[in-house]
PDB file of all heavy atoms in Angstrom:
ATOM      1  N   GLN A   1      12.546  -0.731   8.429  1.00  0.00           N
ATOM      2  CA  GLN A   1      11.788  -1.426   7.409  1.00  0.00           C
ATOM      3  C   GLN A   1      10.341  -0.969   7.346  1.00  0.00           C
ATOM      4  O   GLN A   1       9.771  -0.743   6.292  1.00  0.00           O
ATOM      5  CB  GLN A   1      11.852  -2.929   7.644  1.00  0.00           C
ATOM      6  CG  GLN A   1      13.228  -3.526   7.396  1.00  0.00           C
ATOM      7  CD  GLN A   1      13.300  -4.990   7.781  1.00  0.00           C
ATOM      8  OE1 GLN A   1      12.405  -5.516   8.430  1.00  0.00           O
ATOM      9  NE2 GLN A   1      14.397  -5.646   7.395  1.00  0.00           N
ATOM     10  N   THR A   2       9.760  -0.811   8.507  1.00  0.00           N
ATOM     11  CA  THR A   2       8.365  -0.388   8.539  1.00  0.00           C
ATOM     12  C   THR A   2       8.222   1.080   8.208  1.00  0.00           C
ATOM     13  O   THR A   2       7.165   1.536   7.766  1.00  0.00           O
ATOM     14  CB  THR A   2       7.735  -0.671   9.901  1.00  0.00           C
ATOM     15  OG1 THR A   2       8.534  -0.149  10.912  1.00  0.00           O
ATOM     16  CG2 THR A   2       7.537  -2.075  10.148  1.00  0.00           C
ATOM     17  N   SER A   3       9.290   1.824   8.441  1.00  0.00           N
ATOM     18  CA  SER A   3       9.219   3.240   8.117  1.00  0.00           C
ATOM     19  C   SER A   3       9.281   3.481   6.626  1.00  0.00           C
ATOM     20  O   SER A   3       8.766   4.470   6.111  1.00  0.00           O
ATOM     21  CB  SER A   3      10.372   4.000   8.778  1.00  0.00           C
ATOM     22  OG  SER A   3      10.416   3.892  10.049  1.00  0.00           O
ATOM     23  N   ALA A   4       9.983   2.589   5.876  1.00  0.00           N
ATOM     24  CA  ALA A   4      10.123   2.762   4.447  1.00  0.00           C
ATOM     25  C   ALA A   4       8.837   2.361   3.749  1.00  0.00           C
ATOM     26  O   ALA A   4       8.763   1.365   3.042  1.00  0.00           O
ATOM     27  CB  ALA A   4      11.290   1.925   3.940  1.00  0.00           C
ATOM     28  N   VAL A   5       7.843   3.115   3.970  1.00  0.00           N
ATOM     29  CA  VAL A   5       6.542   2.854   3.393  1.00  0.00           C
ATOM     30  C   VAL A   5       6.547   3.278   1.930  1.00  0.00           C
ATOM     31  O   VAL A   5       7.081   4.323   1.564  1.00  0.00           O
ATOM     32  CB  VAL A   5       5.450   3.607   4.161  1.00  0.00           C
ATOM     33  CG1 VAL A   5       4.084   3.335   3.558  1.00  0.00           C
ATOM     34  CG2 VAL A   5       5.479   3.233   5.615  1.00  0.00           C
ATOM     35  N   ALA A   6       5.981   2.414   1.088  1.00  0.00           N
ATOM     36  CA  ALA A   6       5.915   2.748  -0.331  1.00  0.00           C
ATOM     37  C   ALA A   6       5.160   4.040  -0.547  1.00  0.00           C
ATOM     38  O   ALA A   6       4.104   4.252   0.043  1.00  0.00           O
ATOM     39  CB  ALA A   6       5.247   1.606  -1.096  1.00  0.00           C
ATOM     40  N   GLY A   7       5.708   4.906  -1.373  1.00  0.00           N
ATOM     41  CA  GLY A   7       5.025   6.144  -1.660  1.00  0.00           C
ATOM     42  C   GLY A   7       4.062   5.989  -2.821  1.00  0.00           C
ATOM     43  O   GLY A   7       3.922   4.920  -3.417  1.00  0.00           O
ATOM     44  N   LYS A   8       3.415   7.071  -3.190  1.00  0.00           N
ATOM     45  CA  LYS A   8       2.501   7.074  -4.319  1.00  0.00           C
ATOM     46  C   LYS A   8       3.311   7.155  -5.619  1.00  0.00           C
ATOM     47  O   LYS A   8       4.292   7.861  -5.696  1.00  0.00           O
ATOM     48  CB  LYS A   8       1.536   8.243  -4.208  1.00  0.00           C
ATOM     49  CG  LYS A   8       0.606   8.165  -3.016  1.00  0.00           C
ATOM     50  CD  LYS A   8      -0.316   9.363  -2.983  1.00  0.00           C
ATOM     51  CE  LYS A   8      -1.266   9.273  -1.794  1.00  0.00           C
ATOM     52  NZ  LYS A   8      -2.160  10.454  -1.733  1.00  0.00           N
ATOM     53  N   GLY A   9       2.870   6.480  -6.633  1.00  0.00           N
ATOM     54  CA  GLY A   9       3.551   6.509  -7.911  1.00  0.00           C
ATOM     55  C   GLY A   9       4.347   5.242  -8.180  1.00  0.00           C
ATOM     56  O   GLY A   9       4.357   4.291  -7.390  1.00  0.00           O
ATOM     57  N   LYS A  10       5.082   5.245  -9.301  1.00  0.00           N
ATOM     58  CA  LYS A  10       5.851   4.094  -9.739  1.00  0.00           C
ATOM     59  C   LYS A  10       7.223   4.097  -9.105  1.00  0.00           C
ATOM     60  O   LYS A  10       7.891   5.116  -9.004  1.00  0.00           O
ATOM     61  CB  LYS A  10       5.975   4.111 -11.256  1.00  0.00           C
ATOM     62  CG  LYS A  10       6.691   2.921 -11.840  1.00  0.00           C
ATOM     63  CD  LYS A  10       6.757   3.025 -13.366  1.00  0.00           C
ATOM     64  CE  LYS A  10       7.498   1.848 -13.977  1.00  0.00           C
ATOM     65  NZ  LYS A  10       7.580   1.932 -15.473  1.00  0.00           N
ATOM     66  N   LEU A  11       7.657   2.904  -8.677  1.00  0.00           N
ATOM     67  CA  LEU A  11       8.964   2.773  -8.052  1.00  0.00           C
ATOM     68  C   LEU A  11      10.063   2.837  -9.111  1.00  0.00           C
ATOM     69  O   LEU A  11      10.035   2.091 -10.102  1.00  0.00           O
ATOM     70  CB  LEU A  11       9.056   1.459  -7.281  1.00  0.00           C
ATOM     71  CG  LEU A  11      10.433   1.111  -6.718  1.00  0.00           C
ATOM     72  CD1 LEU A  11      10.870   2.143  -5.676  1.00  0.00           C
ATOM     73  CD2 LEU A  11      10.420  -0.297  -6.106  1.00  0.00           C
ATOM     74  N   THR A  12      11.056   3.709  -8.920  1.00  0.00           N
ATOM     75  CA  THR A  12      12.254   3.770  -9.746  1.00  0.00           C
ATOM     76  C   THR A  12      13.462   3.811  -8.820  1.00  0.00           C
ATOM     77  O   THR A  12      13.327   3.970  -7.607  1.00  0.00           O
ATOM     78  CB  THR A  12      12.252   5.007 -10.661  1.00  0.00           C
ATOM     79  OG1 THR A  12      12.208   6.201  -9.855  1.00  0.00           O
ATOM     80  CG2 THR A  12      11.051   5.003 -11.603  1.00  0.00           C
ATOM     81  N   TYR A  13      14.630   3.688  -9.409  1.00  0.00           N
ATOM     82  CA  TYR A  13      15.858   3.706  -8.612  1.00  0.00           C
ATOM     83  C   TYR A  13      16.797   4.785  -9.154  1.00  0.00           C
ATOM     84  O   TYR A  13      16.908   4.975 -10.372  1.00  0.00           O
ATOM     85  CB  TYR A  13      16.561   2.353  -8.640  1.00  0.00           C
ATOM     86  CG  TYR A  13      15.809   1.266  -7.877  1.00  0.00           C
ATOM     87  CD1 TYR A  13      14.873   0.475  -8.536  1.00  0.00           C
ATOM     88  CD2 TYR A  13      16.032   1.070  -6.525  1.00  0.00           C
ATOM     89  CE1 TYR A  13      14.178  -0.503  -7.857  1.00  0.00           C
ATOM     90  CE2 TYR A  13      15.338   0.078  -5.843  1.00  0.00           C
ATOM     91  CZ  TYR A  13      14.420  -0.699  -6.496  1.00  0.00           C
ATOM     92  OH  TYR A  13      13.727  -1.662  -5.801  1.00  0.00           O
ATOM     93  N   TYR A  14      17.460   5.485  -8.233  1.00  0.00           N
ATOM     94  CA  TYR A  14      18.421   6.516  -8.623  1.00  0.00           C
ATOM     95  C   TYR A  14      19.777   6.113  -8.059  1.00  0.00           C
ATOM     96  O   TYR A  14      19.919   5.866  -6.856  1.00  0.00           O
ATOM     97  CB  TYR A  14      18.010   7.878  -8.078  1.00  0.00           C
ATOM     98  CG  TYR A  14      19.002   8.963  -8.380  1.00  0.00           C
ATOM     99  CD1 TYR A  14      18.980   9.629  -9.606  1.00  0.00           C
ATOM    100  CD2 TYR A  14      19.976   9.308  -7.448  1.00  0.00           C
ATOM    101  CE1 TYR A  14      19.926  10.630  -9.898  1.00  0.00           C
ATOM    102  CE2 TYR A  14      20.904  10.295  -7.717  1.00  0.00           C
ATOM    103  CZ  TYR A  14      20.877  10.954  -8.936  1.00  0.00           C
ATOM    104  OH  TYR A  14      21.826  11.944  -9.213  1.00  0.00           O
ATOM    105  N   LYS A  15      20.782   6.024  -8.973  1.00  0.00           N
ATOM    106  CA  LYS A  15      22.136   5.702  -8.557  1.00  0.00           C
ATOM    107  C   LYS A  15      22.863   6.982  -8.167  1.00  0.00           C
ATOM    108  O   LYS A  15      22.957   7.915  -8.951  1.00  0.00           O
ATOM    109  CB  LYS A  15      22.883   4.977  -9.666  1.00  0.00           C
ATOM    110  CG  LYS A  15      24.237   4.450  -9.236  1.00  0.00           C
ATOM    111  CD  LYS A  15      24.882   3.619 -10.337  1.00  0.00           C
ATOM    112  CE  LYS A  15      26.209   3.045  -9.885  1.00  0.00           C
ATOM    113  NZ  LYS A  15      26.844   2.219 -10.940  1.00  0.00           N
ATOM    114  N   ILE A  16      23.378   7.019  -6.946  1.00  0.00           N
ATOM    115  CA  ILE A  16      24.030   8.217  -6.415  1.00  0.00           C
ATOM    116  C   ILE A  16      25.373   8.427  -7.114  1.00  0.00           C
ATOM    117  O   ILE A  16      26.193   7.505  -7.209  1.00  0.00           O
ATOM    118  CB  ILE A  16      24.230   8.088  -4.892  1.00  0.00           C
ATOM    119  CG1 ILE A  16      22.891   7.843  -4.196  1.00  0.00           C
ATOM    120  CG2 ILE A  16      24.918   9.330  -4.333  1.00  0.00           C
ATOM    121  CD1 ILE A  16      23.030   7.520  -2.712  1.00  0.00           C
ATOM    122  N   LYS A  17      25.569   9.660  -7.581  1.00  0.00           N
ATOM    123  CA  LYS A  17      26.814  10.033  -8.241  1.00  0.00           C
ATOM    124  C   LYS A  17      27.680  10.820  -7.289  1.00  0.00           C
ATOM    125  O   LYS A  17      27.232  11.353  -6.289  1.00  0.00           O
ATOM    126  CB  LYS A  17      26.518  10.863  -9.495  1.00  0.00           C
ATOM    127  CG  LYS A  17      25.609  10.174 -10.513  1.00  0.00           C
ATOM    128  CD  LYS A  17      25.363  11.102 -11.695  1.00  0.00           C
ATOM    129  CE  LYS A  17      24.490  10.478 -12.754  1.00  0.00           C
ATOM    130  NZ  LYS A  17      23.131  10.126 -12.258  1.00  0.00           N
ATOM    131  N   SER A  18      28.957  10.866  -7.641  1.00  0.00           N
ATOM    132  CA  SER A  18      29.892  11.645  -6.841  1.00  0.00           C
ATOM    133  C   SER A  18      29.488  13.116  -6.847  1.00  0.00           C
ATOM    134  O   SER A  18      29.187  13.668  -7.905  1.00  0.00           O
ATOM    135  CB  SER A  18      31.313  11.475  -7.376  1.00  0.00           C
ATOM    136  OG  SER A  18      32.242  12.238  -6.633  1.00  0.00           O
ATOM    137  N   GLY A  19      29.412  13.731  -5.681  1.00  0.00           N
ATOM    138  CA  GLY A  19      29.036  15.126  -5.552  1.00  0.00           C
ATOM    139  C   GLY A  19      27.558  15.328  -5.258  1.00  0.00           C
ATOM    140  O   GLY A  19      27.124  16.448  -4.986  1.00  0.00           O
ATOM    141  N   ASP A  20      26.752  14.259  -5.377  1.00  0.00           N
ATOM    142  CA  ASP A  20      25.319  14.363  -5.071  1.00  0.00           C
ATOM    143  C   ASP A  20      25.082  14.600  -3.573  1.00  0.00           C
ATOM    144  O   ASP A  20      25.850  14.119  -2.717  1.00  0.00           O
ATOM    145  CB  ASP A  20      24.576  13.094  -5.489  1.00  0.00           C
ATOM    146  CG  ASP A  20      24.233  13.057  -6.963  1.00  0.00           C
ATOM    147  OD1 ASP A  20      24.307  14.121  -7.594  1.00  0.00           O
ATOM    148  OD2 ASP A  20      23.869  11.959  -7.457  1.00  0.00           O
ATOM    149  N   THR A  21      24.037  15.334  -3.316  1.00  0.00           N
ATOM    150  CA  THR A  21      23.503  15.457  -1.962  1.00  0.00           C
ATOM    151  C   THR A  21      22.018  15.123  -2.020  1.00  0.00           C
ATOM    152  O   THR A  21      21.416  15.131  -3.095  1.00  0.00           O
ATOM    153  CB  THR A  21      23.697  16.862  -1.386  1.00  0.00           C
ATOM    154  OG1 THR A  21      22.917  17.810  -2.164  1.00  0.00           O
ATOM    155  CG2 THR A  21      25.173  17.259  -1.394  1.00  0.00           C
ATOM    156  N   LEU A  22      21.438  14.852  -0.877  1.00  0.00           N
ATOM    157  CA  LEU A  22      20.004  14.576  -0.881  1.00  0.00           C
ATOM    158  C   LEU A  22      19.215  15.759  -1.392  1.00  0.00           C
ATOM    159  O   LEU A  22      18.212  15.601  -2.097  1.00  0.00           O
ATOM    160  CB  LEU A  22      19.520  14.205   0.549  1.00  0.00           C
ATOM    161  CG  LEU A  22      19.717  12.758   0.969  1.00  0.00           C
ATOM    162  CD1 LEU A  22      19.021  12.512   2.320  1.00  0.00           C
ATOM    163  CD2 LEU A  22      19.164  11.770  -0.048  1.00  0.00           C
ATOM    164  N   SER A  23      19.691  16.963  -1.053  1.00  0.00           N
ATOM    165  CA  SER A  23      18.988  18.166  -1.508  1.00  0.00           C
ATOM    166  C   SER A  23      19.027  18.278  -3.015  1.00  0.00           C
ATOM    167  O   SER A  23      18.027  18.583  -3.676  1.00  0.00           O
ATOM    168  CB  SER A  23      19.590  19.412  -0.863  1.00  0.00           C
ATOM    169  OG  SER A  23      19.434  19.399   0.534  1.00  0.00           O
ATOM    170  N   SER A  24      20.216  18.033  -3.598  1.00  0.00           N
ATOM    171  CA  SER A  24      20.342  18.164  -5.054  1.00  0.00           C
ATOM    172  C   SER A  24      19.558  17.070  -5.763  1.00  0.00           C
ATOM    173  O   SER A  24      18.951  17.305  -6.813  1.00  0.00           O
ATOM    174  CB  SER A  24      21.810  18.123  -5.471  1.00  0.00           C
ATOM    175  OG  SER A  24      22.395  16.857  -5.179  1.00  0.00           O
ATOM    176  N   ILE A  25      19.556  15.841  -5.188  1.00  0.00           N
ATOM    177  CA  ILE A  25      18.783  14.749  -5.784  1.00  0.00           C
ATOM    178  C   ILE A  25      17.294  15.059  -5.738  1.00  0.00           C
ATOM    179  O   ILE A  25      16.567  14.868  -6.715  1.00  0.00           O
ATOM    180  CB  ILE A  25      19.088  13.420  -5.069  1.00  0.00           C
ATOM    181  CG1 ILE A  25      20.555  13.022  -5.277  1.00  0.00           C
ATOM    182  CG2 ILE A  25      18.169  12.312  -5.570  1.00  0.00           C
ATOM    183  CD1 ILE A  25      20.995  11.849  -4.432  1.00  0.00           C
ATOM    184  N   ALA A  26      16.819  15.554  -4.572  1.00  0.00           N
ATOM    185  CA  ALA A  26      15.415  15.876  -4.416  1.00  0.00           C
ATOM    186  C   ALA A  26      14.988  16.947  -5.406  1.00  0.00           C
ATOM    187  O   ALA A  26      13.917  16.855  -6.031  1.00  0.00           O
ATOM    188  CB  ALA A  26      15.144  16.334  -2.972  1.00  0.00           C
ATOM    189  N   GLU A  27      15.832  17.980  -5.578  1.00  0.00           N
ATOM    190  CA  GLU A  27      15.506  19.065  -6.504  1.00  0.00           C
ATOM    191  C   GLU A  27      15.490  18.551  -7.934  1.00  0.00           C
ATOM    192  O   GLU A  27      14.610  18.916  -8.718  1.00  0.00           O
ATOM    193  CB  GLU A  27      16.510  20.184  -6.342  1.00  0.00           C
ATOM    194  CG  GLU A  27      16.190  21.419  -7.199  1.00  0.00           C
ATOM    195  CD  GLU A  27      17.173  22.555  -6.955  1.00  0.00           C
ATOM    196  OE1 GLU A  27      18.088  22.395  -6.107  1.00  0.00           O
ATOM    197  OE2 GLU A  27      17.025  23.599  -7.606  1.00  0.00           O
ATOM    198  N   LYS A  28      16.464  17.686  -8.280  1.00  0.00           N
ATOM    199  CA  LYS A  28      16.550  17.145  -9.625  1.00  0.00           C
ATOM    200  C   LYS A  28      15.340  16.286  -9.966  1.00  0.00           C
ATOM    201  O   LYS A  28      14.806  16.342 -11.070  1.00  0.00           O
ATOM    202  CB  LYS A  28      17.826  16.329  -9.773  1.00  0.00           C
ATOM    203  CG  LYS A  28      18.101  15.787 -11.170  1.00  0.00           C
ATOM    204  CD  LYS A  28      19.293  14.850 -11.187  1.00  0.00           C
ATOM    205  CE  LYS A  28      20.524  15.556 -10.719  1.00  0.00           C
ATOM    206  NZ  LYS A  28      21.739  14.646 -10.758  1.00  0.00           N
ATOM    207  N   LEU A  29      14.858  15.509  -8.995  1.00  0.00           N
ATOM    208  CA  LEU A  29      13.771  14.568  -9.253  1.00  0.00           C
ATOM    209  C   LEU A  29      12.394  15.126  -8.917  1.00  0.00           C
ATOM    210  O   LEU A  29      11.380  14.472  -9.191  1.00  0.00           O
ATOM    211  CB  LEU A  29      14.000  13.264  -8.477  1.00  0.00           C
ATOM    212  CG  LEU A  29      15.298  12.519  -8.809  1.00  0.00           C
ATOM    213  CD1 LEU A  29      15.450  11.290  -7.918  1.00  0.00           C
ATOM    214  CD2 LEU A  29      15.309  12.106 -10.290  1.00  0.00           C
ATOM    215  N   GLY A  30      12.332  16.324  -8.310  1.00  0.00           N
ATOM    216  CA  GLY A  30      11.060  16.945  -7.987  1.00  0.00           C
ATOM    217  C   GLY A  30      10.346  16.302  -6.798  1.00  0.00           C
ATOM    218  O   GLY A  30       9.119  16.215  -6.781  1.00  0.00           O
ATOM    219  N   VAL A  31      11.093  15.832  -5.829  1.00  0.00           N
ATOM    220  CA  VAL A  31      10.519  15.253  -4.602  1.00  0.00           C
ATOM    221  C   VAL A  31      11.118  15.956  -3.394  1.00  0.00           C
ATOM    222  O   VAL A  31      11.999  16.809  -3.525  1.00  0.00           O
ATOM    223  CB  VAL A  31      10.786  13.731  -4.528  1.00  0.00           C
ATOM    224  CG1 VAL A  31      10.105  13.014  -5.690  1.00  0.00           C
ATOM    225  CG2 VAL A  31      12.286  13.450  -4.528  1.00  0.00           C
ATOM    226  N   ARG A  32      10.682  15.551  -2.203  1.00  0.00           N
ATOM    227  CA  ARG A  32      11.179  16.179  -0.994  1.00  0.00           C
ATOM    228  C   ARG A  32      12.248  15.311  -0.325  1.00  0.00           C
ATOM    229  O   ARG A  32      12.230  14.073  -0.454  1.00  0.00           O
ATOM    230  CB  ARG A  32      10.042  16.411  -0.006  1.00  0.00           C
ATOM    231  CG  ARG A  32       8.969  17.371  -0.509  1.00  0.00           C
ATOM    232  CD  ARG A  32       7.843  17.525   0.513  1.00  0.00           C
ATOM    233  NE  ARG A  32       7.213  16.248   0.838  1.00  0.00           N
ATOM    234  CZ  ARG A  32       6.252  16.108   1.770  1.00  0.00           C
ATOM    235  NH1 ARG A  32       5.820  17.175   2.442  1.00  0.00           N
ATOM    236  NH2 ARG A  32       5.745  14.918   2.011  1.00  0.00           N
ATOM    237  N   VAL A  33      13.166  15.971   0.368  1.00  0.00           N
ATOM    238  CA  VAL A  33      14.245  15.259   1.064  1.00  0.00           C
ATOM    239  C   VAL A  33      13.675  14.244   2.059  1.00  0.00           C
ATOM    240  O   VAL A  33      14.120  13.103   2.136  1.00  0.00           O
ATOM    241  CB  VAL A  33      15.179  16.253   1.774  1.00  0.00           C
ATOM    242  CG1 VAL A  33      16.158  15.517   2.677  1.00  0.00           C
ATOM    243  CG2 VAL A  33      15.939  17.105   0.753  1.00  0.00           C
ATOM    244  N   LYS A  34      12.637  14.651   2.839  1.00  0.00           N
ATOM    245  CA  LYS A  34      12.093  13.747   3.851  1.00  0.00           C
ATOM    246  C   LYS A  34      11.390  12.542   3.243  1.00  0.00           C
ATOM    247  O   LYS A  34      11.339  11.469   3.850  1.00  0.00           O
ATOM    248  CB  LYS A  34      11.157  14.490   4.804  1.00  0.00           C
ATOM    249  CG  LYS A  34       9.887  15.004   4.190  1.00  0.00           C
ATOM    250  CD  LYS A  34       9.046  15.702   5.278  1.00  0.00           C
ATOM    251  CE  LYS A  34       7.717  16.172   4.733  1.00  0.00           C
ATOM    252  NZ  LYS A  34       6.887  16.834   5.801  1.00  0.00           N
ATOM    253  N   ASP A  35      10.874  12.737   1.983  1.00  0.00           N
ATOM    254  CA  ASP A  35      10.275  11.588   1.304  1.00  0.00           C
ATOM    255  C   ASP A  35      11.345  10.557   0.963  1.00  0.00           C
ATOM    256  O   ASP A  35      11.139   9.352   1.143  1.00  0.00           O
ATOM    257  CB  ASP A  35       9.557  12.043   0.042  1.00  0.00           C
ATOM    258  CG  ASP A  35       8.293  12.826   0.336  1.00  0.00           C
ATOM    259  OD1 ASP A  35       7.695  12.602   1.422  1.00  0.00           O
ATOM    260  OD2 ASP A  35       7.891  13.652  -0.505  1.00  0.00           O
ATOM    261  N   ILE A  36      12.492  11.043   0.436  1.00  0.00           N
ATOM    262  CA  ILE A  36      13.590  10.128   0.114  1.00  0.00           C
ATOM    263  C   ILE A  36      14.045   9.378   1.369  1.00  0.00           C
ATOM    264  O   ILE A  36      14.289   8.169   1.346  1.00  0.00           O
ATOM    265  CB  ILE A  36      14.760  10.897  -0.535  1.00  0.00           C
ATOM    266  CG1 ILE A  36      14.326  11.555  -1.862  1.00  0.00           C
ATOM    267  CG2 ILE A  36      15.951   9.966  -0.773  1.00  0.00           C
ATOM    268  CD1 ILE A  36      15.408  12.417  -2.507  1.00  0.00           C
ATOM    269  N   GLN A  37      14.152  10.108   2.463  1.00  0.00           N
ATOM    270  CA  GLN A  37      14.562   9.493   3.705  1.00  0.00           C
ATOM    271  C   GLN A  37      13.555   8.413   4.153  1.00  0.00           C
ATOM    272  O   GLN A  37      13.935   7.327   4.580  1.00  0.00           O
ATOM    273  CB  GLN A  37      14.719  10.560   4.798  1.00  0.00           C
ATOM    274  CG  GLN A  37      15.914  11.489   4.583  1.00  0.00           C
ATOM    275  CD  GLN A  37      15.978  12.557   5.665  1.00  0.00           C
ATOM    276  OE1 GLN A  37      15.008  13.302   5.863  1.00  0.00           O
ATOM    277  NE2 GLN A  37      17.097  12.628   6.348  1.00  0.00           N
ATOM    278  N   GLN A  38      12.250   8.733   4.054  1.00  0.00           N
ATOM    279  CA  GLN A  38      11.226   7.782   4.462  1.00  0.00           C
ATOM    280  C   GLN A  38      11.229   6.546   3.584  1.00  0.00           C
ATOM    281  O   GLN A  38      11.149   5.424   4.066  1.00  0.00           O
ATOM    282  CB  GLN A  38       9.845   8.437   4.443  1.00  0.00           C
ATOM    283  CG  GLN A  38       8.713   7.520   4.912  1.00  0.00           C
ATOM    284  CD  GLN A  38       7.365   8.176   4.850  1.00  0.00           C
ATOM    285  OE1 GLN A  38       7.216   9.244   4.250  1.00  0.00           O
ATOM    286  NE2 GLN A  38       6.360   7.561   5.460  1.00  0.00           N
ATOM    287  N   TRP A  39      11.319   6.753   2.263  1.00  0.00           N
ATOM    288  CA  TRP A  39      11.292   5.622   1.337  1.00  0.00           C
ATOM    289  C   TRP A  39      12.466   4.680   1.567  1.00  0.00           C
ATOM    290  O   TRP A  39      12.352   3.486   1.305  1.00  0.00           O
ATOM    291  CB  TRP A  39      11.305   6.135  -0.117  1.00  0.00           C
ATOM    292  CG  TRP A  39      10.079   6.939  -0.490  1.00  0.00           C
ATOM    293  CD1 TRP A  39       8.851   6.835   0.040  1.00  0.00           C
ATOM    294  CD2 TRP A  39      10.026   7.959  -1.463  1.00  0.00           C
ATOM    295  NE1 TRP A  39       7.989   7.724  -0.543  1.00  0.00           N
ATOM    296  CE2 TRP A  39       8.689   8.457  -1.492  1.00  0.00           C
ATOM    297  CE3 TRP A  39      10.949   8.558  -2.354  1.00  0.00           C
ATOM    298  CZ2 TRP A  39       8.285   9.479  -2.339  1.00  0.00           C
ATOM    299  CZ3 TRP A  39      10.527   9.569  -3.216  1.00  0.00           C
ATOM    300  CH2 TRP A  39       9.199  10.023  -3.184  1.00  0.00           C
ATOM    301  N   ASN A  40      13.575   5.213   2.043  1.00  0.00           N
ATOM    302  CA  ASN A  40      14.786   4.426   2.163  1.00  0.00           C
ATOM    303  C   ASN A  40      15.198   4.136   3.609  1.00  0.00           C
ATOM    304  O   ASN A  40      16.282   3.611   3.864  1.00  0.00           O
ATOM    305  CB  ASN A  40      15.943   5.117   1.429  1.00  0.00           C
ATOM    306  CG  ASN A  40      15.712   5.178  -0.076  1.00  0.00           C
ATOM    307  OD1 ASN A  40      16.047   4.240  -0.819  1.00  0.00           O
ATOM    308  ND2 ASN A  40      15.142   6.282  -0.552  1.00  0.00           N
ATOM    309  N   GLY A  41      14.336   4.468   4.528  1.00  0.00           N
ATOM    310  CA  GLY A  41      14.621   4.172   5.922  1.00  0.00           C
ATOM    311  C   GLY A  41      15.846   4.868   6.461  1.00  0.00           C
ATOM    312  O   GLY A  41      16.609   4.295   7.241  1.00  0.00           O
TER     313      GLY A  41
END
């Protein structure tokens, strides 16, 4: 919980689709894999 520190910018939600990976999601949204991990604990 404490690790999931709010990042900079507006909070949005991404629904995971079949076949998605963190790498593909990060590339699609223009963020880093470790940021996604941090935001979501």
